[in-house]
Protein backbone atom coordinates (compact mmCIF):
# COMPACT_ATOMS: atom_id res chain seq x y z
CA MET A 1 2.92 15.50 -106.85
CA ILE A 2 -0.24 13.60 -108.22
CA SER A 3 1.55 10.79 -107.00
CA PHE A 4 2.37 12.22 -103.57
CA VAL A 5 -1.42 12.87 -102.81
CA ARG A 6 -2.73 9.60 -103.98
CA ARG A 7 -0.33 7.82 -101.56
CA ILE A 8 -1.85 10.34 -98.54
CA ALA A 9 -5.08 9.80 -99.74
CA MET A 10 -4.60 5.87 -99.80
CA PHE A 11 -2.97 5.96 -96.35
CA LEU A 12 -5.98 8.23 -94.89
CA ILE A 13 -8.49 5.54 -96.48
CA GLY A 14 -6.67 2.79 -95.18
CA SER A 15 -6.46 4.18 -91.63
CA ALA A 16 -10.13 4.82 -91.65
CA MET A 17 -10.71 1.35 -92.35
CA MET A 18 -8.37 0.13 -89.85
CA THR A 19 -10.20 1.70 -87.02
CA ALA A 20 -13.61 0.67 -88.17
CA LEU A 21 -12.02 -2.73 -87.59
CA PRO A 22 -12.39 -4.75 -84.31
CA VAL A 23 -9.44 -4.74 -82.23
CA TYR A 24 -8.57 -8.16 -81.13
CA ALA A 25 -7.36 -9.31 -77.77
CA GLN A 26 -5.57 -12.65 -76.68
CA VAL A 27 -5.51 -14.09 -73.25
CA ARG A 28 -4.07 -17.59 -72.06
CA THR A 29 -6.45 -19.76 -70.13
CA ASP A 30 -5.56 -23.16 -68.31
CA ALA A 31 -6.43 -25.02 -71.62
CA GLY A 32 -5.27 -22.72 -74.24
CA ALA A 33 -5.36 -19.32 -75.74
CA VAL A 34 -8.22 -17.39 -76.70
CA GLU A 35 -8.68 -14.42 -79.09
CA GLY A 36 -11.59 -11.95 -78.53
CA ALA A 37 -12.60 -8.45 -79.81
CA THR A 38 -12.58 -4.87 -78.40
CA ASN A 39 -15.86 -3.09 -79.01
CA ALA A 40 -16.64 0.71 -79.24
CA ASP A 41 -17.07 1.06 -75.41
CA GLY A 42 -13.36 -0.14 -74.85
CA VAL A 43 -14.57 -3.54 -73.71
CA ARG A 44 -12.99 -6.99 -74.52
CA ALA A 45 -15.54 -9.37 -75.36
CA PHE A 46 -14.42 -13.11 -75.42
CA LEU A 47 -17.36 -15.34 -76.38
CA GLY A 48 -18.12 -18.89 -76.68
CA ILE A 49 -15.02 -20.23 -74.54
CA PRO A 50 -15.41 -23.73 -73.42
CA TYR A 51 -15.19 -24.54 -69.40
CA ALA A 52 -16.14 -28.15 -69.59
CA ALA A 53 -16.05 -31.04 -72.22
CA PRO A 54 -19.36 -31.41 -74.48
CA PRO A 55 -21.72 -33.27 -72.34
CA VAL A 56 -22.55 -35.54 -75.47
CA GLY A 57 -22.69 -39.55 -76.27
CA ALA A 58 -21.19 -41.43 -72.79
CA LEU A 59 -20.77 -37.76 -71.12
CA ARG A 60 -24.72 -37.01 -71.29
CA TRP A 61 -25.83 -36.95 -67.71
CA GLN A 62 -22.46 -36.82 -66.29
CA ALA A 63 -20.80 -34.27 -64.16
CA PRO A 64 -18.93 -31.79 -66.25
CA GLN A 65 -15.44 -32.87 -67.42
CA ALA A 66 -12.16 -31.11 -68.22
CA VAL A 67 -11.97 -29.21 -71.75
CA ALA A 68 -9.26 -31.04 -73.65
CA PRO A 69 -6.50 -28.49 -74.04
CA TRP A 70 -5.92 -27.08 -77.46
CA THR A 71 -2.75 -25.62 -79.60
CA GLY A 72 -2.83 -22.39 -81.23
CA VAL A 73 -5.42 -19.66 -80.62
CA LYS A 74 -9.37 -20.66 -80.23
CA GLN A 75 -11.34 -17.84 -81.59
CA ALA A 76 -13.65 -16.53 -79.21
CA THR A 77 -15.68 -13.84 -81.27
CA ALA A 78 -18.94 -15.85 -81.44
CA PHE A 79 -21.47 -17.12 -78.82
CA GLY A 80 -21.23 -21.16 -78.28
CA ALA A 81 -24.48 -22.95 -78.58
CA ARG A 82 -27.21 -22.77 -76.24
CA CYS A 83 -28.33 -25.86 -74.45
CA MET A 84 -30.97 -28.31 -75.81
CA GLN A 85 -34.51 -26.46 -75.02
CA GLY A 86 -37.79 -26.21 -76.50
CA PRO A 87 -39.56 -22.73 -77.54
CA ILE A 88 -40.99 -22.28 -74.17
CA PHE A 89 -40.75 -18.58 -73.39
CA ASN A 90 -41.50 -16.07 -76.44
CA ASP A 91 -39.85 -13.19 -74.72
CA MET A 92 -36.10 -14.92 -75.19
CA ILE A 93 -34.34 -13.76 -77.94
CA PHE A 94 -31.11 -15.87 -79.19
CA ARG A 95 -27.96 -15.17 -80.84
CA ASP A 96 -26.82 -18.72 -81.14
CA GLN A 97 -27.54 -22.22 -82.23
CA LEU A 98 -29.16 -25.04 -80.42
CA SER A 99 -26.96 -28.02 -79.71
CA GLU A 100 -26.43 -30.65 -76.78
CA ASP A 101 -22.64 -29.48 -76.85
CA CYS A 102 -23.20 -26.26 -75.22
CA LEU A 103 -21.10 -25.83 -72.27
CA TYR A 104 -19.55 -22.21 -73.16
CA LEU A 105 -19.28 -19.17 -71.26
CA ASN A 106 -18.52 -15.50 -72.11
CA VAL A 107 -16.22 -12.74 -70.60
CA TRP A 108 -16.61 -9.00 -70.91
CA ALA A 109 -13.59 -7.06 -69.36
CA PRO A 110 -12.73 -3.43 -69.92
CA ALA A 111 -9.43 -2.80 -71.77
CA GLY A 112 -6.78 -2.56 -69.27
CA ALA A 113 -8.57 -4.30 -66.55
CA ALA A 114 -6.33 -5.27 -63.35
CA LYS A 115 -7.78 -7.13 -60.26
CA LEU A 116 -11.53 -6.08 -61.20
CA PRO A 117 -14.35 -7.33 -59.18
CA VAL A 118 -15.97 -10.04 -61.29
CA MET A 119 -19.84 -10.70 -61.77
CA VAL A 120 -20.92 -14.10 -62.83
CA TRP A 121 -24.52 -14.17 -64.26
CA ILE A 122 -26.88 -17.00 -64.09
CA TYR A 123 -29.71 -16.87 -66.53
CA GLY A 124 -33.38 -17.77 -65.84
CA GLY A 125 -36.04 -19.73 -67.57
CA GLY A 126 -37.58 -22.32 -65.25
CA PHE A 127 -34.53 -24.38 -65.70
CA GLN A 128 -35.99 -25.43 -68.83
CA ALA A 129 -34.70 -22.55 -71.32
CA GLY A 130 -32.49 -19.77 -71.46
CA SER A 131 -28.87 -19.00 -72.95
CA ALA A 132 -26.23 -16.27 -72.10
CA SER A 133 -26.45 -15.20 -75.83
CA GLU A 134 -29.49 -13.04 -75.19
CA PRO A 135 -29.29 -9.41 -75.90
CA ARG A 136 -30.76 -8.17 -73.09
CA GLN A 137 -28.20 -10.15 -70.88
CA ASP A 138 -25.06 -8.68 -72.95
CA GLY A 139 -22.36 -7.69 -70.28
CA SER A 140 -20.76 -5.00 -72.31
CA LYS A 141 -22.24 -2.23 -70.79
CA LEU A 142 -22.17 -3.52 -67.33
CA ALA A 143 -18.49 -3.99 -67.77
CA THR A 144 -17.83 -0.06 -68.64
CA ARG A 145 -18.75 0.02 -64.84
CA GLY A 146 -15.35 -1.17 -63.67
CA VAL A 147 -16.12 -4.88 -63.12
CA ILE A 148 -15.97 -7.69 -65.38
CA VAL A 149 -19.03 -9.67 -66.38
CA VAL A 150 -19.13 -13.59 -67.04
CA SER A 151 -22.12 -15.51 -68.25
CA MET A 152 -22.44 -19.25 -69.00
CA ASN A 153 -24.86 -21.75 -70.40
CA TYR A 154 -25.83 -24.91 -68.24
CA ARG A 155 -27.93 -27.78 -69.11
CA LEU A 156 -31.46 -27.82 -68.74
CA GLY A 157 -34.48 -29.45 -68.63
CA VAL A 158 -34.24 -33.29 -69.05
CA PHE A 159 -30.52 -32.83 -70.07
CA GLY A 160 -29.41 -31.08 -66.89
CA PHE A 161 -31.98 -32.83 -64.09
CA LEU A 162 -32.63 -36.09 -65.24
CA ALA A 163 -32.11 -38.72 -62.21
CA HIS A 164 -32.37 -42.24 -62.33
CA PRO A 165 -31.43 -45.12 -59.93
CA ASP A 166 -28.76 -46.25 -62.62
CA LEU A 167 -27.21 -42.84 -62.93
CA THR A 168 -26.94 -42.58 -59.26
CA LYS A 169 -25.16 -46.11 -59.26
CA GLU A 170 -22.61 -45.38 -61.70
CA ALA A 171 -21.88 -41.78 -60.02
CA SER A 172 -18.98 -41.87 -57.66
CA SER A 173 -20.95 -39.15 -55.65
CA HIS A 174 -23.83 -41.73 -55.29
CA ALA A 175 -26.33 -39.01 -56.73
CA SER A 176 -27.82 -38.03 -59.89
CA GLY A 177 -30.03 -35.23 -61.33
CA ASN A 178 -28.30 -31.96 -60.88
CA TYR A 179 -25.94 -31.60 -64.00
CA GLY A 180 -27.11 -28.10 -64.54
CA LEU A 181 -26.06 -27.09 -61.21
CA LEU A 182 -22.76 -29.07 -61.46
CA ASP A 183 -22.31 -26.98 -64.78
CA GLN A 184 -22.73 -23.60 -62.68
CA ILE A 185 -20.13 -24.68 -60.32
CA ALA A 186 -17.65 -25.92 -62.85
CA ALA A 187 -17.98 -22.44 -64.58
CA LEU A 188 -17.20 -20.61 -61.29
CA GLN A 189 -14.32 -23.11 -60.83
CA TRP A 190 -13.14 -21.74 -64.39
CA VAL A 191 -13.27 -18.42 -63.08
CA LYS A 192 -11.53 -18.91 -59.74
CA LYS A 193 -8.51 -20.33 -62.32
CA ASN A 194 -8.76 -18.22 -65.16
CA ILE A 195 -10.22 -14.74 -64.57
CA ALA A 196 -7.24 -13.24 -63.13
CA ALA A 197 -5.69 -13.47 -66.92
CA PHE A 198 -8.55 -11.27 -68.05
CA GLY A 199 -8.09 -8.86 -65.24
CA GLY A 200 -10.20 -9.95 -62.74
CA ASP A 201 -10.00 -10.56 -59.20
CA PRO A 202 -10.65 -14.09 -58.39
CA ASP A 203 -11.06 -13.56 -54.67
CA ASN A 204 -13.70 -11.01 -55.44
CA VAL A 205 -16.62 -12.87 -57.31
CA THR A 206 -20.42 -11.87 -57.32
CA ILE A 207 -22.76 -14.45 -58.48
CA PHE A 208 -26.10 -12.93 -59.73
CA GLY A 209 -29.24 -14.24 -61.32
CA GLU A 210 -32.87 -13.96 -62.22
CA SER A 211 -35.63 -16.35 -61.50
CA ALA A 212 -34.38 -19.87 -61.95
CA GLY A 213 -30.98 -18.07 -62.20
CA SER A 214 -31.77 -16.58 -58.85
CA LEU A 215 -32.88 -19.92 -57.10
CA SER A 216 -29.74 -21.23 -58.43
CA VAL A 217 -27.89 -18.40 -56.52
CA SER A 218 -29.83 -19.78 -53.28
CA VAL A 219 -28.65 -23.45 -54.17
CA LEU A 220 -25.28 -22.17 -54.64
CA MET A 221 -25.22 -20.45 -51.42
CA ALA A 222 -26.58 -23.74 -49.74
CA SER A 223 -24.14 -26.06 -51.72
CA PRO A 224 -20.70 -27.08 -49.82
CA LEU A 225 -19.38 -27.73 -53.52
CA ALA A 226 -19.70 -23.98 -54.24
CA LYS A 227 -17.88 -22.98 -50.89
CA GLY A 228 -14.89 -20.33 -51.65
CA LEU A 229 -16.00 -19.86 -55.34
CA PHE A 230 -17.89 -16.34 -54.49
CA GLU A 231 -18.06 -13.99 -52.04
CA LYS A 232 -21.21 -12.06 -52.61
CA ALA A 233 -24.72 -12.78 -54.06
CA ILE A 234 -27.69 -11.18 -55.75
CA GLY A 235 -30.91 -12.77 -56.38
CA GLU A 236 -33.55 -11.04 -58.64
CA SER A 237 -37.03 -12.89 -58.22
CA GLY A 238 -36.32 -16.53 -56.58
CA ALA A 239 -35.12 -18.74 -54.09
CA TYR A 240 -35.64 -22.12 -52.93
CA LEU A 241 -37.44 -21.12 -49.50
CA ALA A 242 -40.78 -20.76 -50.62
CA GLY A 243 -42.44 -23.97 -49.30
CA PRO A 244 -42.71 -27.57 -49.08
CA SER A 245 -44.80 -27.84 -52.76
CA GLY A 246 -44.73 -26.46 -56.16
CA PRO A 247 -43.34 -27.00 -59.62
CA LEU A 248 -39.98 -26.28 -58.92
CA VAL A 249 -39.62 -27.47 -55.31
CA PRO A 250 -36.81 -29.59 -55.23
CA LYS A 251 -37.66 -33.05 -54.52
CA ARG A 252 -35.83 -35.90 -52.88
CA LEU A 253 -33.54 -38.33 -54.91
CA ALA A 254 -35.77 -41.22 -54.51
CA ALA A 255 -38.86 -38.83 -55.97
CA ALA A 256 -36.61 -37.64 -58.62
CA GLU A 257 -35.24 -41.31 -59.66
CA ALA A 258 -38.57 -42.22 -59.94
CA GLN A 259 -39.72 -39.57 -62.16
CA GLY A 260 -36.44 -40.41 -64.45
CA GLN A 261 -37.46 -44.10 -64.35
CA LYS A 262 -40.88 -43.27 -65.60
CA PHE A 263 -39.36 -41.12 -68.57
CA ALA A 264 -37.00 -43.61 -69.55
CA GLN A 265 -39.71 -46.23 -69.83
CA ALA A 266 -41.85 -43.67 -71.88
CA LEU A 267 -38.83 -43.19 -74.37
CA GLY A 268 -38.62 -46.99 -74.50
CA ALA A 269 -34.94 -47.08 -73.17
CA ASP A 270 -34.39 -50.04 -70.65
CA SER A 271 -30.96 -49.03 -69.68
CA LEU A 272 -28.47 -46.17 -69.42
CA ALA A 273 -26.69 -47.00 -72.51
CA ALA A 274 -30.08 -47.03 -74.50
CA LEU A 275 -30.91 -43.54 -72.96
CA ARG A 276 -27.77 -42.17 -74.26
CA ALA A 277 -28.10 -43.79 -77.73
CA LYS A 278 -31.25 -41.61 -78.15
CA SER A 279 -30.56 -38.55 -80.06
CA ALA A 280 -30.79 -35.02 -78.46
CA ASP A 281 -33.78 -34.27 -80.72
CA ASP A 282 -35.75 -37.47 -79.61
CA VAL A 283 -35.09 -37.03 -75.88
CA LEU A 284 -36.02 -33.29 -76.41
CA LYS A 285 -39.26 -34.15 -78.08
CA ALA A 286 -40.32 -36.79 -75.51
CA ALA A 287 -39.76 -34.19 -72.39
CA LEU A 288 -41.61 -31.87 -74.35
CA ALA A 289 -44.49 -34.06 -74.91
CA GLY A 290 -44.79 -35.14 -71.38
CA GLY A 291 -45.73 -31.76 -70.02
CA ALA A 292 -45.30 -29.99 -66.78
CA GLY A 293 -44.64 -33.52 -65.13
CA ALA A 294 -41.78 -33.62 -67.56
CA TRP A 295 -40.30 -30.44 -66.27
CA PHE A 296 -36.96 -31.76 -64.85
CA SER A 297 -35.37 -29.61 -62.17
CA PRO A 298 -32.81 -29.40 -59.16
CA ASP A 299 -33.11 -32.39 -56.67
CA ILE A 300 -32.00 -32.89 -53.16
CA ASP A 301 -29.47 -35.26 -54.20
CA GLY A 302 -27.45 -35.67 -50.92
CA TYR A 303 -24.10 -34.32 -53.17
CA VAL A 304 -24.86 -30.96 -54.44
CA LEU A 305 -27.77 -30.15 -52.15
CA PRO A 306 -27.13 -32.36 -48.78
CA ASP A 307 -30.67 -31.06 -47.64
CA ASP A 308 -33.61 -29.18 -48.73
CA PRO A 309 -32.27 -25.38 -48.95
CA TYR A 310 -34.98 -24.31 -46.23
CA THR A 311 -33.31 -26.66 -43.73
CA ILE A 312 -29.72 -25.83 -44.59
CA PHE A 313 -30.37 -22.04 -44.71
CA THR A 314 -32.50 -22.01 -41.24
CA GLY A 315 -29.78 -24.21 -39.58
CA GLY A 316 -27.06 -21.34 -40.80
CA GLN A 317 -25.14 -23.79 -42.88
CA GLN A 318 -25.36 -21.67 -45.88
CA GLN A 319 -22.25 -19.47 -47.12
CA HIS A 320 -22.41 -16.17 -45.13
CA VAL A 321 -21.70 -13.83 -47.92
CA PRO A 322 -23.39 -10.33 -48.13
CA LEU A 323 -27.00 -10.56 -50.01
CA LEU A 324 -28.71 -8.36 -52.11
CA ALA A 325 -32.18 -9.42 -53.35
CA GLY A 326 -35.68 -8.58 -54.27
CA TRP A 327 -38.45 -9.11 -56.66
CA ASN A 328 -40.91 -7.02 -59.16
CA LEU A 329 -43.84 -5.51 -57.86
CA GLY A 330 -46.15 -7.08 -60.54
CA GLU A 331 -44.39 -10.25 -60.75
CA ALA A 332 -47.77 -12.02 -61.78
CA ARG A 333 -50.00 -8.90 -61.95
CA ALA A 334 -50.85 -9.62 -65.90
CA ALA A 335 -52.13 -13.04 -64.80
CA VAL A 336 -54.79 -11.64 -62.70
CA THR A 337 -55.55 -8.19 -64.91
CA LEU A 338 -55.81 -10.05 -68.28
CA ALA A 339 -57.52 -13.05 -67.07
CA LYS A 340 -60.75 -14.06 -68.90
CA ASP A 341 -62.50 -14.29 -65.44
CA LYS A 342 -62.56 -10.81 -63.97
CA VAL A 343 -61.58 -10.72 -60.46
CA THR A 344 -64.25 -9.02 -58.25
CA ALA A 345 -64.55 -8.69 -54.10
CA GLU A 346 -67.02 -11.72 -54.18
CA THR A 347 -65.07 -14.03 -56.33
CA PHE A 348 -61.73 -13.21 -54.55
CA THR A 349 -62.86 -13.71 -51.21
CA LYS A 350 -65.00 -16.92 -52.43
CA GLN A 351 -61.61 -18.33 -53.84
CA THR A 352 -59.46 -17.17 -50.89
CA ARG A 353 -61.76 -18.97 -48.38
CA GLU A 354 -61.64 -22.13 -50.32
CA ARG A 355 -57.98 -22.23 -50.76
CA TYR A 356 -56.84 -21.01 -47.30
CA LYS A 357 -59.92 -22.57 -45.08
CA ASP A 358 -59.11 -21.87 -41.51
CA ALA A 359 -56.55 -19.29 -42.49
CA ALA A 360 -58.37 -17.29 -44.92
CA ASP A 361 -59.70 -14.56 -42.57
CA ALA A 362 -56.07 -13.90 -41.81
CA VAL A 363 -55.23 -13.72 -45.63
CA LEU A 364 -57.93 -11.63 -46.08
CA LYS A 365 -56.88 -9.09 -43.66
CA VAL A 366 -53.69 -8.74 -45.32
CA TYR A 367 -54.91 -8.83 -48.82
CA PRO A 368 -58.31 -6.93 -48.31
CA ALA A 369 -61.24 -7.06 -50.91
CA THR A 370 -63.82 -4.64 -49.55
CA ASN A 371 -64.48 -3.51 -53.21
CA ASP A 372 -63.56 -4.82 -56.76
CA ALA A 373 -61.15 -2.50 -57.36
CA GLU A 374 -59.06 -3.44 -54.28
CA ALA A 375 -59.75 -7.16 -54.79
CA VAL A 376 -58.02 -6.86 -58.16
CA GLU A 377 -55.13 -5.28 -56.30
CA SER A 378 -55.04 -7.83 -53.46
CA ALA A 379 -55.05 -10.69 -56.19
CA ALA A 380 -52.29 -9.65 -58.02
CA ALA A 381 -50.34 -8.95 -54.70
CA LEU A 382 -50.89 -12.32 -53.72
CA ALA A 383 -50.41 -14.04 -57.03
CA GLY A 384 -46.78 -12.32 -57.24
CA ASP A 385 -46.16 -13.38 -53.70
CA MET A 386 -47.18 -17.00 -54.12
CA PHE A 387 -45.00 -17.22 -57.44
CA ILE A 388 -41.80 -15.25 -56.27
CA GLY A 389 -42.35 -12.79 -53.63
CA TYR A 390 -42.75 -14.92 -50.25
CA GLY A 391 -39.98 -17.32 -51.33
CA THR A 392 -37.60 -14.53 -52.06
CA TRP A 393 -38.52 -12.55 -48.65
CA LYS A 394 -38.01 -15.61 -46.70
CA TRP A 395 -34.61 -16.05 -48.02
CA LEU A 396 -33.45 -12.56 -46.97
CA ASP A 397 -35.46 -13.07 -43.90
CA VAL A 398 -33.39 -16.14 -42.99
CA HIS A 399 -30.15 -15.29 -44.30
CA LEU A 400 -30.09 -11.92 -42.19
CA ALA A 401 -31.49 -14.09 -38.84
CA THR A 402 -28.65 -16.89 -39.31
CA GLY A 403 -25.71 -14.70 -39.83
CA SER A 404 -24.05 -11.46 -39.56
CA SER A 405 -23.54 -10.80 -43.51
CA PRO A 406 -25.21 -7.65 -44.59
CA VAL A 407 -28.53 -7.90 -46.54
CA TYR A 408 -30.03 -5.53 -48.87
CA ARG A 409 -33.72 -5.62 -50.49
CA TYR A 410 -35.23 -4.14 -53.54
CA SER A 411 -38.48 -3.92 -54.79
CA PHE A 412 -38.54 -3.03 -58.89
CA ASP A 413 -41.36 -0.61 -59.34
CA ARG A 414 -41.33 0.24 -62.81
CA ASP A 415 -44.29 -0.77 -64.85
CA ARG A 416 -42.62 -1.80 -68.00
CA PRO A 417 -43.29 0.50 -71.15
CA ILE A 418 -45.55 -1.44 -73.72
CA PRO A 419 -46.38 -0.27 -77.27
CA LEU A 420 -49.43 1.67 -77.20
CA ASP A 421 -51.35 -0.71 -79.63
CA THR A 422 -50.58 -3.33 -77.33
CA LYS A 423 -54.01 -5.75 -77.25
CA VAL A 424 -54.57 -9.25 -75.60
CA ASN A 425 -57.43 -11.18 -77.08
CA GLY A 426 -58.51 -8.07 -79.06
CA VAL A 427 -58.49 -5.70 -75.92
CA ALA A 428 -56.35 -2.97 -75.45
CA VAL A 429 -53.78 -3.33 -72.60
CA THR A 430 -51.77 -0.68 -70.72
CA ALA A 431 -48.58 -0.82 -69.30
CA LYS A 432 -50.33 -0.40 -65.73
CA ASP A 433 -52.17 -3.91 -66.45
CA ILE A 434 -49.02 -5.56 -66.73
CA GLY A 435 -46.95 -3.61 -64.28
CA ALA A 436 -43.27 -4.38 -63.16
CA ARG A 437 -43.65 -7.86 -64.68
CA HIS A 438 -41.25 -10.99 -63.92
CA ALA A 439 -38.27 -10.37 -65.71
CA GLY A 440 -38.54 -7.03 -66.54
CA GLU A 441 -35.80 -5.41 -64.70
CA ILE A 442 -32.98 -7.33 -66.77
CA GLU A 443 -32.67 -4.79 -69.72
CA TYR A 444 -32.15 -2.30 -66.61
CA VAL A 445 -29.67 -4.34 -64.73
CA PHE A 446 -27.58 -4.54 -67.89
CA GLY A 447 -27.99 -1.49 -69.50
CA THR A 448 -29.49 -3.04 -72.78
CA LEU A 449 -32.75 -1.10 -72.83
CA SER A 450 -31.92 -0.89 -76.67
CA SER A 451 -32.21 -4.84 -77.11
CA ASP A 452 -35.88 -4.17 -76.90
CA THR A 453 -36.81 -2.13 -80.06
CA LYS A 454 -40.53 -2.34 -79.55
CA ALA A 455 -40.65 -0.58 -76.01
CA PRO A 456 -41.30 2.94 -75.91
CA TRP A 457 -38.60 3.74 -73.61
CA GLU A 458 -38.87 7.12 -71.68
CA PRO A 459 -35.82 9.19 -69.98
CA VAL A 460 -36.73 8.01 -66.55
CA ASP A 461 -36.11 4.25 -67.92
CA THR A 462 -32.50 4.95 -68.54
CA THR A 463 -32.48 7.01 -65.06
CA ILE A 464 -33.59 3.55 -63.32
CA SER A 465 -30.94 1.78 -65.80
CA GLU A 466 -28.04 3.86 -64.68
CA GLN A 467 -28.94 3.69 -61.01
CA MET A 468 -29.46 -0.42 -61.14
CA MET A 469 -26.12 -0.57 -62.73
CA SER A 470 -24.57 1.29 -60.54
CA TYR A 471 -25.92 0.04 -57.23
CA TRP A 472 -25.37 -3.74 -58.60
CA THR A 473 -21.66 -2.79 -59.39
CA ASN A 474 -20.91 -1.16 -56.15
CA PHE A 475 -22.12 -4.01 -54.54
CA ALA A 476 -19.99 -6.22 -56.27
CA LYS A 477 -16.92 -4.03 -55.52
CA THR A 478 -17.59 -3.29 -51.98
CA GLY A 479 -20.43 -5.57 -50.27
CA THR A 480 -22.65 -2.35 -50.23
CA PRO A 481 -24.86 -0.76 -53.06
CA ASN A 482 -24.28 2.65 -52.01
CA GLY A 483 -22.49 5.35 -53.86
CA THR A 484 -22.05 8.96 -54.97
CA GLY A 485 -25.02 10.36 -56.51
CA LEU A 486 -27.12 7.73 -55.31
CA PRO A 487 -30.44 7.58 -53.07
CA GLU A 488 -29.11 6.14 -50.06
CA TRP A 489 -30.06 2.36 -49.44
CA PRO A 490 -30.10 1.34 -45.84
CA ALA A 491 -29.46 -2.37 -44.87
CA TYR A 492 -32.24 -4.51 -44.58
CA GLY A 493 -33.13 -5.16 -40.96
CA ALA A 494 -35.58 -4.76 -37.87
CA SER A 495 -33.85 -1.69 -36.46
CA ASN A 496 -34.92 0.30 -39.20
CA GLY A 497 -38.51 -1.31 -40.15
CA TYR A 498 -36.74 -3.65 -42.83
CA GLN A 499 -36.12 -0.94 -45.48
CA VAL A 500 -36.42 -1.71 -48.73
CA MET A 501 -35.04 0.22 -52.08
CA HIS A 502 -37.98 1.10 -54.24
CA LEU A 503 -36.35 1.24 -57.76
CA GLY A 504 -38.62 3.15 -60.07
CA PRO A 505 -39.53 6.43 -61.29
CA ALA A 506 -38.90 7.92 -57.96
CA SER A 507 -36.31 5.73 -56.37
CA GLY A 508 -35.91 5.81 -52.53
CA ALA A 509 -35.86 3.71 -49.49
CA ALA A 510 -38.86 2.98 -47.28
CA ALA A 511 -40.12 0.66 -44.24
CA ASP A 512 -41.62 -2.73 -45.49
CA THR A 513 -45.15 -1.97 -45.32
CA ALA A 514 -46.16 -5.05 -46.75
CA ARG A 515 -44.34 -7.39 -43.94
CA PRO A 516 -47.49 -8.34 -42.35
CA ARG A 517 -48.36 -10.42 -45.64
CA TYR A 518 -45.19 -12.32 -45.52
CA ILE A 519 -45.78 -13.07 -41.90
CA VAL A 520 -49.11 -14.66 -42.74
CA LEU A 521 -47.89 -16.65 -45.59
CA ASP A 522 -45.00 -17.80 -43.32
CA ASP A 523 -47.41 -19.14 -40.47
CA ILE A 524 -49.49 -20.58 -43.24
CA THR A 525 -46.20 -22.31 -45.09
CA ALA A 526 -44.50 -23.46 -41.60
CA HIS A 527 -48.15 -25.24 -40.99
CA ALA A 528 -47.73 -26.91 -44.40
CA ARG A 529 -44.10 -28.12 -43.76
CA THR A 530 -45.27 -30.14 -40.57
CA MET A 531 -47.88 -31.98 -42.50
CA PRO A 532 -47.18 -35.62 -43.40
CA ALA A 533 -45.91 -36.13 -47.19
CA GLN A 534 -48.62 -37.02 -49.59
């Protein structure tokens, strides 16, 4: 009897231990089998799947090459390395290692998935930093909404965007500099070939990204190389239609090549062989030491980008897919409210007149400064518009004007909660000072509020997150964000006053009252486009 009881006890203990262990799942890709793990939400996570060969040695500054097939089963339970980068943004937290061998992607798929919509995420970071391993960008929660989520690493900075005459000469495309974008396209091609094996629909793919990821979405819509690789697009804060100048505006190939030549000379490399012989650490250090002038980003190479994205979109040559895009109400608010020199009606008016000259009266009419408090709000609004808002607005407006695909616009309005004891330069700071900051919506979109353990989240934050996850996944499924139990989100257009969905404590749609601001900025930008290049 004692032996029988002992056997039963051992069986129960063993069963409990088995349920605590991850459940593994195998899928065969075109290069070989991978094994991931199923989490407590019933989502199968496949992490660190190689989608291209390691871009090292002779493959540095080459278009991504095919993965060498493997035999057996490759474990896919840990993130692949993030691409070479410096510690640029302090809000980025990684769960990986740093390496030049970094072309890996991740798949989150509900167990039993069958022909589900696919959402492919492109991280931000100014094309200089970022990784798909960030906890705030984990796809597990979003995948519980009946979609498959894919995220990929792509080459950054000097490794992803160095152009050089010799690189152009050796390439069959007669182009150089857009290796990070080619990585993104290669990942989308991988999705097209392989996602059905994970239960996804290769003919229902939505690309979405934030900041540089959103800029990438606008590029992929403009690039003929990405044609047919996605059916819908979501952009969060950013598009390459802002104007003819700025630190991340695409250079023409010749200008990008000149930048690359200058970099190679500074590094003491007189040939491609010498450049490729340099260690990844040495190349990175040289780029980081170069300051903003060494921030390498996409160029108009005649291949990935046949022309300026503005020209492609205004000419109606972009992919005509449904577009959902917007930006955050306080994109650059903190730069104004936390600045050492406080904004006043006098200083804002003076600076605006110095900056905009003949157009200053028009600017001050839509960004008024009749008193100090109003000047602060106008300065914050103008800073956000010049940083992100105007370019994203122009993207939506031009895509609407040059095609028949539906367009949806949002404004993320939630002042992101911050710890009560937050101080900047010894001065207490409130959530209102920072506002709905740049990148502040990411945790809401992915349902990963818990990844920020310092934020004093409130129940309303969970509600906003639930709404955004539903809107984003509904759009991926049907091309419209609307669904049961959600505030109605009208399509963007002149017939209804250019309705904007305000996502926040009281989510709802309203006509765009800020449109006059963008019309003024558009007039200024149009004039700048006609000026001769300096």
